[in-house]
Amino acid sequence: MEYSSANLIAFFYTNWKKLVIVPFLAMVIAVVFSGPQFIKPLFESQVILFPSTTNSVSKALLPQSNGYGDEDIFEYGDEQQAEQLLQILNSGEIRDSVISKFDLMNHYDIDPESSYPRTKLFKEYESKIEFARTQFMSVEINVLDTDPQMAADIANYISKLVDQVKRRVSRGRAEMGLEIVKNEYHSLKSEIQTMEDKITQLRYKGVHDYESQSAVFNEQYAIALAGGASQSRIKELERRLDTLAKYGGKYVAIRDELQLLKEEEVKLKTKFDQAKVDVNQNLPATFKVDAARPAERKTYPKRSVLILAIGFATFILMAFVLMVQSTLVELRKAAE
């Protein structure tokens, strides 16, 4: 059977009662069964976070060995930081903390004695709590719940938890770094002290400044020899020159190495101070645009959209069934 425009008009005219009454009844049923008695309304709360680019406060605020750092603590993060933030939000630590804090097992009416209760809990958690990156490199925390206040509380708690988790991870690495730098710094100071003690011993032996002493004593020795000075004076100068010859090379080597070590000490002291700041930092890892508030209107279900969709779907299905039924009747008549 071919359906021209005229045939379609005739078809709808003949079956208009069924095409109107059945979808209308379906919409009435949808009105009843989409009510709060059958479908619990869900309220949505949202927090928008921007990640920070600053991983180390010391590098952004404290002087470095080559000047001041070029990091800006007020700069928003890029795609990489946003993805890292999403990884933290989807971590088991945050999920388990939220579940424990708000007793979601009972809140979601999941029987802990049933089969696979944690699997059911995790699925419910993932369906109600979502994290998504926006085109502006921010991250959205969206929470759906039957209680609007609960939805807002969960969203705000997660936003605070992000900073705590990231700070804990960073602090762990910072403490390890601090311990390494601390040990190196104290080891270097001990080495410097040992070399300073050696320098002091050489000074007790008469070596204070090898270059200047050598020049002065050699000059005085030449003058003494040329001027016919006393033997005791000449022997005294020879003794001092012998002392310089014996300990001068050692003095110069220790002095030069000590100078290099003290330059290294300054750099290591800077690293030590930076590491202490990084361990004790409390700078938030995110920028929170606004705190979540309890929603005044439900987000799900959209009853008007749902009812119209059911009515339209029923109309299409009914028209298809009637067309098939009409076509089968025509085919039977043709077969006879």
C-alpha atoms as a PDB file:
ATOM      1  CA  MET A   1       0.000   0.000   0.000  1.00  0.00           C
ATOM      2  CA  GLU A   2       1.431   3.349  -1.035  1.00  0.00           C
ATOM      3  CA  TYR A   3       0.761   6.367   1.123  1.00  0.00           C
ATOM      4  CA  SER A   4       0.282   9.548  -0.833  1.00  0.00           C
ATOM      5  CA  SER A   5      -0.536  12.812   0.878  1.00  0.00           C
ATOM      6  CA  ALA A   6      -4.212  12.211   0.246  1.00  0.00           C
ATOM      7  CA  ASN A   7      -4.027   8.685   1.659  1.00  0.00           C
ATOM      8  CA  LEU A   8      -2.178   9.948   4.739  1.00  0.00           C
ATOM      9  CA  ILE A   9      -4.822  12.599   5.356  1.00  0.00           C
ATOM     10  CA  ALA A  10      -7.515   9.948   4.975  1.00  0.00           C
ATOM     11  CA  PHE A  11      -5.591   7.626   7.280  1.00  0.00           C
ATOM     12  CA  PHE A  12      -5.262  10.226  10.035  1.00  0.00           C
ATOM     13  CA  TYR A  13      -8.885  11.306   9.589  1.00  0.00           C
ATOM     14  CA  THR A  14     -10.107   7.727   9.927  1.00  0.00           C
ATOM     15  CA  ASN A  15      -7.970   6.958  12.988  1.00  0.00           C
ATOM     16  CA  TRP A  16      -7.882  10.369  14.663  1.00  0.00           C
ATOM     17  CA  LYS A  17      -9.637   9.170  17.802  1.00  0.00           C
ATOM     18  CA  LYS A  18      -7.072   6.442  18.442  1.00  0.00           C
ATOM     19  CA  LEU A  19      -4.209   8.811  17.569  1.00  0.00           C
ATOM     20  CA  VAL A  20      -5.473  11.376  20.051  1.00  0.00           C
ATOM     21  CA  ILE A  21      -6.956   9.305  22.850  1.00  0.00           C
ATOM     22  CA  VAL A  22      -4.099   6.755  23.249  1.00  0.00           C
ATOM     23  CA  PRO A  23      -1.296   9.383  23.460  1.00  0.00           C
ATOM     24  CA  PHE A  24      -3.463  11.452  25.788  1.00  0.00           C
ATOM     25  CA  LEU A  25      -3.977   8.453  28.089  1.00  0.00           C
ATOM     26  CA  ALA A  26      -0.239   7.765  27.952  1.00  0.00           C
ATOM     27  CA  MET A  27       0.438  11.381  28.982  1.00  0.00           C
ATOM     28  CA  VAL A  28      -2.039  11.083  31.847  1.00  0.00           C
ATOM     29  CA  ILE A  29      -0.309   7.919  33.045  1.00  0.00           C
ATOM     30  CA  ALA A  30       3.049   9.708  32.699  1.00  0.00           C
ATOM     31  CA  VAL A  31       1.738  12.569  34.843  1.00  0.00           C
ATOM     32  CA  VAL A  32       0.806  10.117  37.579  1.00  0.00           C
ATOM     33  CA  PHE A  33       3.910   7.944  37.492  1.00  0.00           C
ATOM     34  CA  SER A  34       6.369  10.827  37.142  1.00  0.00           C
ATOM     35  CA  GLY A  35       5.200  12.295  40.433  1.00  0.00           C
ATOM     36  CA  PRO A  36       7.389  12.354  43.552  1.00  0.00           C
ATOM     37  CA  GLN A  37       5.588   9.275  44.885  1.00  0.00           C
ATOM     38  CA  PHE A  38       7.166   7.172  42.108  1.00  0.00           C
ATOM     39  CA  ILE A  39      10.230   9.147  40.977  1.00  0.00           C
ATOM     40  CA  LYS A  40      12.159  10.978  43.659  1.00  0.00           C
ATOM     41  CA  PRO A  41      13.073  14.477  42.481  1.00  0.00           C
ATOM     42  CA  LEU A  42      16.776  15.264  42.368  1.00  0.00           C
ATOM     43  CA  PHE A  43      18.325  18.646  43.132  1.00  0.00           C
ATOM     44  CA  GLU A  44      21.657  19.733  41.665  1.00  0.00           C
ATOM     45  CA  SER A  45      24.422  21.808  43.243  1.00  0.00           C
ATOM     46  CA  GLN A  46      27.583  22.871  41.474  1.00  0.00           C
ATOM     47  CA  VAL A  47      31.044  24.171  42.304  1.00  0.00           C
ATOM     48  CA  ILE A  48      33.405  25.490  39.644  1.00  0.00           C
ATOM     49  CA  LEU A  49      37.140  25.259  40.308  1.00  0.00           C
ATOM     50  CA  PHE A  50      40.078  26.647  38.381  1.00  0.00           C
ATOM     51  CA  PRO A  51      43.383  24.822  38.933  1.00  0.00           C
ATOM     52  CA  SER A  52      46.436  26.821  39.906  1.00  0.00           C
ATOM     53  CA  THR A  53      49.716  26.693  38.000  1.00  0.00           C
ATOM     54  CA  THR A  54      51.781  27.112  41.167  1.00  0.00           C
ATOM     55  CA  ASN A  55      53.143  23.816  42.442  1.00  0.00           C
ATOM     56  CA  SER A  56      55.873  25.323  44.608  1.00  0.00           C
ATOM     57  CA  VAL A  57      55.204  28.412  46.696  1.00  0.00           C
ATOM     58  CA  SER A  58      58.914  28.919  47.346  1.00  0.00           C
ATOM     59  CA  LYS A  59      59.692  29.124  43.627  1.00  0.00           C
ATOM     60  CA  ALA A  60      56.977  31.727  43.151  1.00  0.00           C
ATOM     61  CA  LEU A  61      57.675  33.886  46.199  1.00  0.00           C
ATOM     62  CA  LEU A  62      61.230  33.337  47.425  1.00  0.00           C
ATOM     63  CA  PRO A  63      64.473  34.376  45.724  1.00  0.00           C
ATOM     64  CA  GLN A  64      66.206  31.682  43.703  1.00  0.00           C
ATOM     65  CA  SER A  65      69.920  31.180  43.188  1.00  0.00           C
ATOM     66  CA  ASN A  66      69.584  32.908  39.795  1.00  0.00           C
ATOM     67  CA  GLY A  67      67.128  35.622  40.907  1.00  0.00           C
ATOM     68  CA  TYR A  68      63.413  35.492  41.600  1.00  0.00           C
ATOM     69  CA  GLY A  69      61.108  32.866  40.154  1.00  0.00           C
ATOM     70  CA  ASP A  70      58.821  33.691  37.248  1.00  0.00           C
ATOM     71  CA  GLU A  71      55.793  31.772  38.552  1.00  0.00           C
ATOM     72  CA  ASP A  72      52.610  33.672  39.341  1.00  0.00           C
ATOM     73  CA  ILE A  73      50.504  32.396  42.232  1.00  0.00           C
ATOM     74  CA  PHE A  74      47.445  34.131  40.724  1.00  0.00           C
ATOM     75  CA  GLU A  75      47.719  32.463  37.315  1.00  0.00           C
ATOM     76  CA  TYR A  76      45.078  29.920  36.326  1.00  0.00           C
ATOM     77  CA  GLY A  77      46.186  26.479  35.210  1.00  0.00           C
ATOM     78  CA  ASP A  78      46.055  25.129  31.675  1.00  0.00           C
ATOM     79  CA  GLU A  79      44.772  21.861  30.236  1.00  0.00           C
ATOM     80  CA  GLN A  80      47.404  19.772  31.992  1.00  0.00           C
ATOM     81  CA  GLN A  81      46.566  21.163  35.439  1.00  0.00           C
ATOM     82  CA  ALA A  82      42.840  20.702  34.736  1.00  0.00           C
ATOM     83  CA  GLU A  83      43.414  17.037  33.851  1.00  0.00           C
ATOM     84  CA  GLN A  84      45.498  16.558  36.998  1.00  0.00           C
ATOM     85  CA  LEU A  85      42.669  18.088  39.033  1.00  0.00           C
ATOM     86  CA  LEU A  86      40.193  15.671  37.449  1.00  0.00           C
ATOM     87  CA  GLN A  87      42.431  12.750  38.371  1.00  0.00           C
ATOM     88  CA  ILE A  88      42.443  13.872  42.000  1.00  0.00           C
ATOM     89  CA  LEU A  89      38.656  14.349  42.011  1.00  0.00           C
ATOM     90  CA  ASN A  90      38.162  10.831  40.626  1.00  0.00           C
ATOM     91  CA  SER A  91      40.557   9.295  43.134  1.00  0.00           C
ATOM     92  CA  GLY A  92      39.433   6.627  45.556  1.00  0.00           C
ATOM     93  CA  GLU A  93      40.579   8.734  48.494  1.00  0.00           C
ATOM     94  CA  ILE A  94      38.064  11.484  47.746  1.00  0.00           C
ATOM     95  CA  ARG A  95      35.294   9.005  46.934  1.00  0.00           C
ATOM     96  CA  ASP A  96      35.824   7.025  50.150  1.00  0.00           C
ATOM     97  CA  SER A  97      36.060  10.192  52.228  1.00  0.00           C
ATOM     98  CA  VAL A  98      32.752  11.524  50.842  1.00  0.00           C
ATOM     99  CA  ILE A  99      31.038   8.167  51.352  1.00  0.00           C
ATOM    100  CA  SER A 100      32.218   8.008  54.951  1.00  0.00           C
ATOM    101  CA  LYS A 101      31.522  11.664  55.753  1.00  0.00           C
ATOM    102  CA  PHE A 102      27.906  11.627  54.543  1.00  0.00           C
ATOM    103  CA  ASP A 103      27.135   7.938  55.240  1.00  0.00           C
ATOM    104  CA  LEU A 104      26.061   7.438  51.624  1.00  0.00           C
ATOM    105  CA  MET A 105      25.471   3.730  52.092  1.00  0.00           C
ATOM    106  CA  ASN A 106      22.426   4.528  54.240  1.00  0.00           C
ATOM    107  CA  HIS A 107      21.579   7.727  52.382  1.00  0.00           C
ATOM    108  CA  TYR A 108      21.277   5.831  49.090  1.00  0.00           C
ATOM    109  CA  ASP A 109      19.264   3.053  50.807  1.00  0.00           C
ATOM    110  CA  ILE A 110      21.769   0.321  49.974  1.00  0.00           C
ATOM    111  CA  ASP A 111      21.622  -2.761  52.149  1.00  0.00           C
ATOM    112  CA  PRO A 112      25.159  -3.541  53.357  1.00  0.00           C
ATOM    113  CA  GLU A 113      24.124  -7.209  53.689  1.00  0.00           C
ATOM    114  CA  SER A 114      23.052  -7.465  50.042  1.00  0.00           C
ATOM    115  CA  SER A 115      25.169  -8.859  47.220  1.00  0.00           C
ATOM    116  CA  TYR A 116      28.002  -6.539  46.154  1.00  0.00           C
ATOM    117  CA  PRO A 117      26.956  -3.533  48.270  1.00  0.00           C
ATOM    118  CA  ARG A 118      30.129  -1.531  47.541  1.00  0.00           C
ATOM    119  CA  THR A 119      29.731  -2.037  43.794  1.00  0.00           C
ATOM    120  CA  LYS A 120      26.158  -0.739  44.020  1.00  0.00           C
ATOM    121  CA  LEU A 121      27.339   2.154  46.190  1.00  0.00           C
ATOM    122  CA  PHE A 122      30.080   3.139  43.750  1.00  0.00           C
ATOM    123  CA  LYS A 123      27.662   3.019  40.798  1.00  0.00           C
ATOM    124  CA  GLU A 124      25.184   5.201  42.677  1.00  0.00           C
ATOM    125  CA  TYR A 125      27.999   7.575  43.634  1.00  0.00           C
ATOM    126  CA  GLU A 126      29.161   7.874  40.009  1.00  0.00           C
ATOM    127  CA  SER A 127      25.602   8.495  38.792  1.00  0.00           C
ATOM    128  CA  LYS A 128      24.994  11.247  41.354  1.00  0.00           C
ATOM    129  CA  ILE A 129      28.422  12.920  41.526  1.00  0.00           C
ATOM    130  CA  GLU A 130      30.178  13.939  38.333  1.00  0.00           C
ATOM    131  CA  PHE A 131      33.296  15.932  37.462  1.00  0.00           C
ATOM    132  CA  ALA A 132      33.812  17.547  34.086  1.00  0.00           C
ATOM    133  CA  ARG A 133      36.302  19.886  32.471  1.00  0.00           C
ATOM    134  CA  THR A 134      34.909  22.950  30.706  1.00  0.00           C
ATOM    135  CA  GLN A 135      36.162  24.708  27.586  1.00  0.00           C
ATOM    136  CA  PHE A 136      37.564  27.441  29.831  1.00  0.00           C
ATOM    137  CA  MET A 137      39.927  24.975  31.570  1.00  0.00           C
ATOM    138  CA  SER A 138      37.872  24.986  34.755  1.00  0.00           C
ATOM    139  CA  VAL A 139      36.483  21.875  36.427  1.00  0.00           C
ATOM    140  CA  GLU A 140      32.849  21.452  37.450  1.00  0.00           C
ATOM    141  CA  ILE A 141      31.718  19.460  40.467  1.00  0.00           C
ATOM    142  CA  ASN A 142      28.072  18.493  39.892  1.00  0.00           C
ATOM    143  CA  VAL A 143      26.144  16.749  42.660  1.00  0.00           C
ATOM    144  CA  LEU A 144      22.596  15.408  42.392  1.00  0.00           C
ATOM    145  CA  ASP A 145      20.655  14.433  45.479  1.00  0.00           C
ATOM    146  CA  THR A 146      17.112  14.109  46.747  1.00  0.00           C
ATOM    147  CA  ASP A 147      18.051  16.572  49.519  1.00  0.00           C
ATOM    148  CA  PRO A 148      19.129  19.986  48.130  1.00  0.00           C
ATOM    149  CA  GLN A 149      21.114  20.793  51.277  1.00  0.00           C
ATOM    150  CA  MET A 150      22.925  17.457  51.071  1.00  0.00           C
ATOM    151  CA  ALA A 151      23.825  18.115  47.423  1.00  0.00           C
ATOM    152  CA  ALA A 152      25.317  21.512  48.314  1.00  0.00           C
ATOM    153  CA  ASP A 153      27.190  20.119  51.323  1.00  0.00           C
ATOM    154  CA  ILE A 154      28.737  17.299  49.291  1.00  0.00           C
ATOM    155  CA  ALA A 155      29.838  19.668  46.503  1.00  0.00           C
ATOM    156  CA  ASN A 156      31.441  22.090  48.977  1.00  0.00           C
ATOM    157  CA  TYR A 157      33.100  19.276  50.902  1.00  0.00           C
ATOM    158  CA  ILE A 158      34.648  17.840  47.733  1.00  0.00           C
ATOM    159  CA  SER A 159      36.024  21.264  46.762  1.00  0.00           C
ATOM    160  CA  LYS A 160      37.742  21.523  50.167  1.00  0.00           C
ATOM    161  CA  LEU A 161      38.918  17.933  49.992  1.00  0.00           C
ATOM    162  CA  VAL A 162      40.718  18.571  46.696  1.00  0.00           C
ATOM    163  CA  ASP A 163      43.080  21.045  48.354  1.00  0.00           C
ATOM    164  CA  GLN A 164      43.680  18.707  51.287  1.00  0.00           C
ATOM    165  CA  VAL A 165      44.524  15.731  49.051  1.00  0.00           C
ATOM    166  CA  LYS A 166      46.808  17.723  46.766  1.00  0.00           C
ATOM    167  CA  ARG A 167      48.488  19.357  49.766  1.00  0.00           C
ATOM    168  CA  ARG A 168      49.021  15.945  51.367  1.00  0.00           C
ATOM    169  CA  VAL A 169      50.611  14.542  48.205  1.00  0.00           C
ATOM    170  CA  SER A 170      52.773  17.627  47.722  1.00  0.00           C
ATOM    171  CA  ARG A 171      53.689  17.743  51.392  1.00  0.00           C
ATOM    172  CA  GLY A 172      54.879  14.137  51.305  1.00  0.00           C
ATOM    173  CA  ARG A 173      57.257  14.885  48.446  1.00  0.00           C
ATOM    174  CA  ALA A 174      58.269  18.197  50.020  1.00  0.00           C
ATOM    175  CA  GLU A 175      59.160  16.470  53.298  1.00  0.00           C
ATOM    176  CA  MET A 176      61.325  13.968  51.441  1.00  0.00           C
ATOM    177  CA  GLY A 177      62.999  16.823  49.570  1.00  0.00           C
ATOM    178  CA  LEU A 178      63.498  18.757  52.796  1.00  0.00           C
ATOM    179  CA  GLU A 179      65.141  15.767  54.452  1.00  0.00           C
ATOM    180  CA  ILE A 180      67.528  15.325  51.514  1.00  0.00           C
ATOM    181  CA  VAL A 181      68.466  19.019  51.386  1.00  0.00           C
ATOM    182  CA  LYS A 182      68.746  19.178  55.182  1.00  0.00           C
ATOM    183  CA  ASN A 183      71.186  16.265  55.275  1.00  0.00           C
ATOM    184  CA  GLU A 184      73.240  17.720  52.423  1.00  0.00           C
ATOM    185  CA  TYR A 185      73.272  21.143  54.052  1.00  0.00           C
ATOM    186  CA  HIS A 186      74.427  19.872  57.448  1.00  0.00           C
ATOM    187  CA  SER A 187      76.975  17.575  55.813  1.00  0.00           C
ATOM    188  CA  LEU A 188      78.369  20.531  53.865  1.00  0.00           C
ATOM    189  CA  LYS A 189      78.507  22.692  56.998  1.00  0.00           C
ATOM    190  CA  SER A 190      80.392  19.930  58.794  1.00  0.00           C
ATOM    191  CA  GLU A 191      82.850  19.674  55.913  1.00  0.00           C
ATOM    192  CA  ILE A 192      83.328  23.449  55.922  1.00  0.00           C
ATOM    193  CA  GLN A 193      83.946  23.409  59.672  1.00  0.00           C
ATOM    194  CA  THR A 194      86.563  20.675  59.260  1.00  0.00           C
ATOM    195  CA  MET A 195      88.369  22.676  56.590  1.00  0.00           C
ATOM    196  CA  GLU A 196      88.205  25.861  58.666  1.00  0.00           C
ATOM    197  CA  ASP A 197      89.810  23.950  61.541  1.00  0.00           C
ATOM    198  CA  LYS A 198      92.612  22.894  59.201  1.00  0.00           C
ATOM    199  CA  ILE A 199      93.054  26.514  58.077  1.00  0.00           C
ATOM    200  CA  THR A 200      93.242  27.565  61.722  1.00  0.00           C
ATOM    201  CA  GLN A 201      95.947  24.971  62.421  1.00  0.00           C
ATOM    202  CA  LEU A 202      97.965  26.280  59.476  1.00  0.00           C
ATOM    203  CA  ARG A 203      97.594  29.825  60.753  1.00  0.00           C
ATOM    204  CA  TYR A 204      98.979  28.728  64.120  1.00  0.00           C
ATOM    205  CA  LYS A 205     102.005  27.515  62.184  1.00  0.00           C
ATOM    206  CA  GLY A 206     102.449  30.928  60.608  1.00  0.00           C
ATOM    207  CA  VAL A 207     100.621  30.631  57.270  1.00  0.00           C
ATOM    208  CA  HIS A 208      97.990  33.364  57.141  1.00  0.00           C
ATOM    209  CA  ASP A 209      97.997  34.518  53.522  1.00  0.00           C
ATOM    210  CA  TYR A 210     100.373  32.566  51.368  1.00  0.00           C
ATOM    211  CA  GLU A 211     100.642  34.949  48.417  1.00  0.00           C
ATOM    212  CA  SER A 212     101.171  38.176  50.358  1.00  0.00           C
ATOM    213  CA  GLN A 213     103.389  36.559  53.020  1.00  0.00           C
ATOM    214  CA  SER A 214     105.534  34.911  50.363  1.00  0.00           C
ATOM    215  CA  ALA A 215     106.026  38.184  48.527  1.00  0.00           C
ATOM    216  CA  VAL A 216     106.872  40.112  51.708  1.00  0.00           C
ATOM    217  CA  PHE A 217     109.232  37.513  53.157  1.00  0.00           C
ATOM    218  CA  ASN A 218     111.079  37.035  49.868  1.00  0.00           C
ATOM    219  CA  GLU A 219     111.523  40.772  49.567  1.00  0.00           C
ATOM    220  CA  GLN A 220     112.742  41.075  53.165  1.00  0.00           C
ATOM    221  CA  TYR A 221     115.077  38.110  52.686  1.00  0.00           C
ATOM    222  CA  ALA A 222     116.651  39.686  49.591  1.00  0.00           C
ATOM    223  CA  ILE A 223     117.079  42.981  51.430  1.00  0.00           C
ATOM    224  CA  ALA A 224     118.606  41.200  54.435  1.00  0.00           C
ATOM    225  CA  LEU A 225     121.115  39.389  52.260  1.00  0.00           C
ATOM    226  CA  ALA A 226     122.015  42.518  50.325  1.00  0.00           C
ATOM    227  CA  GLY A 227     122.147  44.728  53.389  1.00  0.00           C
ATOM    228  CA  GLY A 228     124.287  42.445  55.472  1.00  0.00           C
ATOM    229  CA  ALA A 229     121.688  41.792  58.155  1.00  0.00           C
ATOM    230  CA  SER A 230     122.481  39.671  61.176  1.00  0.00           C
ATOM    231  CA  GLN A 231     122.532  35.903  60.870  1.00  0.00           C
ATOM    232  CA  SER A 232     119.685  35.584  63.326  1.00  0.00           C
ATOM    233  CA  ARG A 233     117.504  37.824  61.142  1.00  0.00           C
ATOM    234  CA  ILE A 234     118.435  35.874  58.045  1.00  0.00           C
ATOM    235  CA  LYS A 235     117.738  32.541  59.745  1.00  0.00           C
ATOM    236  CA  GLU A 236     114.345  33.836  60.999  1.00  0.00           C
ATOM    237  CA  LEU A 237     113.379  34.800  57.457  1.00  0.00           C
ATOM    238  CA  GLU A 238     114.608  31.461  56.140  1.00  0.00           C
ATOM    239  CA  ARG A 239     112.561  29.651  58.790  1.00  0.00           C
ATOM    240  CA  ARG A 240     109.444  31.530  57.781  1.00  0.00           C
ATOM    241  CA  LEU A 241     110.092  30.891  54.100  1.00  0.00           C
ATOM    242  CA  ASP A 242     110.574  27.196  54.862  1.00  0.00           C
ATOM    243  CA  THR A 243     107.245  27.186  56.716  1.00  0.00           C
ATOM    244  CA  LEU A 244     105.548  28.792  53.734  1.00  0.00           C
ATOM    245  CA  ALA A 245     107.203  26.298  51.403  1.00  0.00           C
ATOM    246  CA  LYS A 246     106.107  23.387  53.583  1.00  0.00           C
ATOM    247  CA  TYR A 247     102.496  24.422  54.262  1.00  0.00           C
ATOM    248  CA  GLY A 248     101.764  27.033  51.612  1.00  0.00           C
ATOM    249  CA  GLY A 249     100.541  24.634  48.943  1.00  0.00           C
ATOM    250  CA  LYS A 250      98.248  22.878  51.402  1.00  0.00           C
ATOM    251  CA  TYR A 251      96.958  26.230  52.643  1.00  0.00           C
ATOM    252  CA  VAL A 252      96.137  27.443  49.123  1.00  0.00           C
ATOM    253  CA  ALA A 253      94.383  24.189  48.210  1.00  0.00           C
ATOM    254  CA  ILE A 254      92.259  24.194  51.372  1.00  0.00           C
ATOM    255  CA  ARG A 255      91.499  27.903  51.088  1.00  0.00           C
ATOM    256  CA  ASP A 256      90.353  27.662  47.456  1.00  0.00           C
ATOM    257  CA  GLU A 257      88.247  24.581  48.131  1.00  0.00           C
ATOM    258  CA  LEU A 258      86.764  26.270  51.187  1.00  0.00           C
ATOM    259  CA  GLN A 259      85.760  29.248  49.084  1.00  0.00           C
ATOM    260  CA  LEU A 260      83.968  26.973  46.608  1.00  0.00           C
ATOM    261  CA  LEU A 261      82.241  25.123  49.430  1.00  0.00           C
ATOM    262  CA  LYS A 262      81.010  28.378  50.963  1.00  0.00           C
ATOM    263  CA  GLU A 263      79.539  29.420  47.625  1.00  0.00           C
ATOM    264  CA  GLU A 264      77.816  26.041  47.478  1.00  0.00           C
ATOM    265  CA  GLU A 265      76.647  26.544  51.057  1.00  0.00           C
ATOM    266  CA  VAL A 266      74.851  29.756  50.086  1.00  0.00           C
ATOM    267  CA  LYS A 267      73.003  27.958  47.267  1.00  0.00           C
ATOM    268  CA  LEU A 268      72.174  24.975  49.475  1.00  0.00           C
ATOM    269  CA  LYS A 269      70.943  27.266  52.256  1.00  0.00           C
ATOM    270  CA  THR A 270      68.575  28.875  49.741  1.00  0.00           C
ATOM    271  CA  LYS A 271      67.284  25.415  48.745  1.00  0.00           C
ATOM    272  CA  PHE A 272      66.923  24.498  52.413  1.00  0.00           C
ATOM    273  CA  ASP A 273      64.811  27.593  53.124  1.00  0.00           C
ATOM    274  CA  GLN A 274      62.670  26.912  50.048  1.00  0.00           C
ATOM    275  CA  ALA A 275      62.102  23.301  51.068  1.00  0.00           C
ATOM    276  CA  LYS A 276      60.959  24.397  54.547  1.00  0.00           C
ATOM    277  CA  VAL A 277      58.463  26.809  52.985  1.00  0.00           C
ATOM    278  CA  ASP A 278      57.124  24.096  50.650  1.00  0.00           C
ATOM    279  CA  VAL A 279      56.603  21.720  53.593  1.00  0.00           C
ATOM    280  CA  ASN A 280      54.655  24.290  55.610  1.00  0.00           C
ATOM    281  CA  GLN A 281      52.738  25.933  52.772  1.00  0.00           C
ATOM    282  CA  ASN A 282      48.951  26.204  52.979  1.00  0.00           C
ATOM    283  CA  LEU A 283      48.295  27.872  49.641  1.00  0.00           C
ATOM    284  CA  PRO A 284      45.129  26.456  47.994  1.00  0.00           C
ATOM    285  CA  ALA A 285      45.701  24.384  44.876  1.00  0.00           C
ATOM    286  CA  THR A 286      42.527  25.707  43.237  1.00  0.00           C
ATOM    287  CA  PHE A 287      40.542  28.886  42.722  1.00  0.00           C
ATOM    288  CA  LYS A 288      36.909  28.388  43.769  1.00  0.00           C
ATOM    289  CA  VAL A 289      34.582  30.641  41.797  1.00  0.00           C
ATOM    290  CA  ASP A 290      31.614  30.234  44.130  1.00  0.00           C
ATOM    291  CA  ALA A 291      30.414  27.933  46.870  1.00  0.00           C
ATOM    292  CA  ALA A 292      27.526  25.554  46.173  1.00  0.00           C
ATOM    293  CA  ARG A 293      24.085  26.525  47.474  1.00  0.00           C
ATOM    294  CA  PRO A 294      20.960  24.415  47.960  1.00  0.00           C
ATOM    295  CA  ALA A 295      18.906  24.387  44.757  1.00  0.00           C
ATOM    296  CA  GLU A 296      15.383  25.855  44.958  1.00  0.00           C
ATOM    297  CA  ARG A 297      14.012  23.817  42.051  1.00  0.00           C
ATOM    298  CA  LYS A 298      14.525  20.190  41.158  1.00  0.00           C
ATOM    299  CA  THR A 299      16.732  19.259  38.231  1.00  0.00           C
ATOM    300  CA  TYR A 300      15.323  15.790  37.590  1.00  0.00           C
ATOM    301  CA  PRO A 301      12.879  14.672  36.389  1.00  0.00           C
ATOM    302  CA  LYS A 302      11.739  17.390  33.946  1.00  0.00           C
ATOM    303  CA  ARG A 303       8.087  16.364  34.082  1.00  0.00           C
ATOM    304  CA  SER A 304       6.864  18.593  31.258  1.00  0.00           C
ATOM    305  CA  VAL A 305       9.575  17.365  28.889  1.00  0.00           C
ATOM    306  CA  LEU A 306       9.045  13.772  29.986  1.00  0.00           C
ATOM    307  CA  ILE A 307       5.272  13.912  29.532  1.00  0.00           C
ATOM    308  CA  LEU A 308       5.500  15.533  26.088  1.00  0.00           C
ATOM    309  CA  ALA A 309       8.151  13.038  25.014  1.00  0.00           C
ATOM    310  CA  ILE A 310       5.978  10.100  26.103  1.00  0.00           C
ATOM    311  CA  GLY A 311       2.948  11.582  24.331  1.00  0.00           C
ATOM    312  CA  PHE A 312       4.894  12.131  21.115  1.00  0.00           C
ATOM    313  CA  ALA A 313       6.480   8.679  21.240  1.00  0.00           C
ATOM    314  CA  THR A 314       3.085   7.065  21.845  1.00  0.00           C
ATOM    315  CA  PHE A 315       1.613   9.006  18.922  1.00  0.00           C
ATOM    316  CA  ILE A 316       4.384   7.834  16.564  1.00  0.00           C
ATOM    317  CA  LEU A 317       4.141   4.241  17.803  1.00  0.00           C
ATOM    318  CA  MET A 318       0.349   4.230  17.484  1.00  0.00           C
ATOM    319  CA  ALA A 319       0.506   5.648  13.959  1.00  0.00           C
ATOM    320  CA  PHE A 320       3.048   2.991  12.978  1.00  0.00           C
ATOM    321  CA  VAL A 321       0.927   0.180  14.449  1.00  0.00           C
ATOM    322  CA  LEU A 322      -2.204   1.417  12.676  1.00  0.00           C
ATOM    323  CA  MET A 323      -0.332   1.755   9.364  1.00  0.00           C
ATOM    324  CA  VAL A 324       1.013  -1.776   9.674  1.00  0.00           C
ATOM    325  CA  GLN A 325      -2.435  -3.058  10.598  1.00  0.00           C
ATOM    326  CA  SER A 326      -4.021  -1.248   7.630  1.00  0.00           C
ATOM    327  CA  THR A 327      -1.325  -2.547   5.257  1.00  0.00           C
ATOM    328  CA  LEU A 328      -1.873  -6.138   6.441  1.00  0.00           C
ATOM    329  CA  VAL A 329      -5.624  -5.804   5.840  1.00  0.00           C
ATOM    330  CA  GLU A 330      -4.999  -4.525   2.314  1.00  0.00           C
ATOM    331  CA  LEU A 331      -2.606  -7.395   1.613  1.00  0.00           C
ATOM    332  CA  ARG A 332      -5.130  -9.976   2.782  1.00  0.00           C
ATOM    333  CA  LYS A 333      -7.790  -8.470   0.534  1.00  0.00           C
ATOM    334  CA  ALA A 334      -5.426  -8.510  -2.410  1.00  0.00           C
ATOM    335  CA  ALA A 335      -4.542 -12.136  -1.710  1.00  0.00           C
ATOM    336  CA  GLU A 336      -8.171 -13.155  -1.742  1.00  0.00           C
END
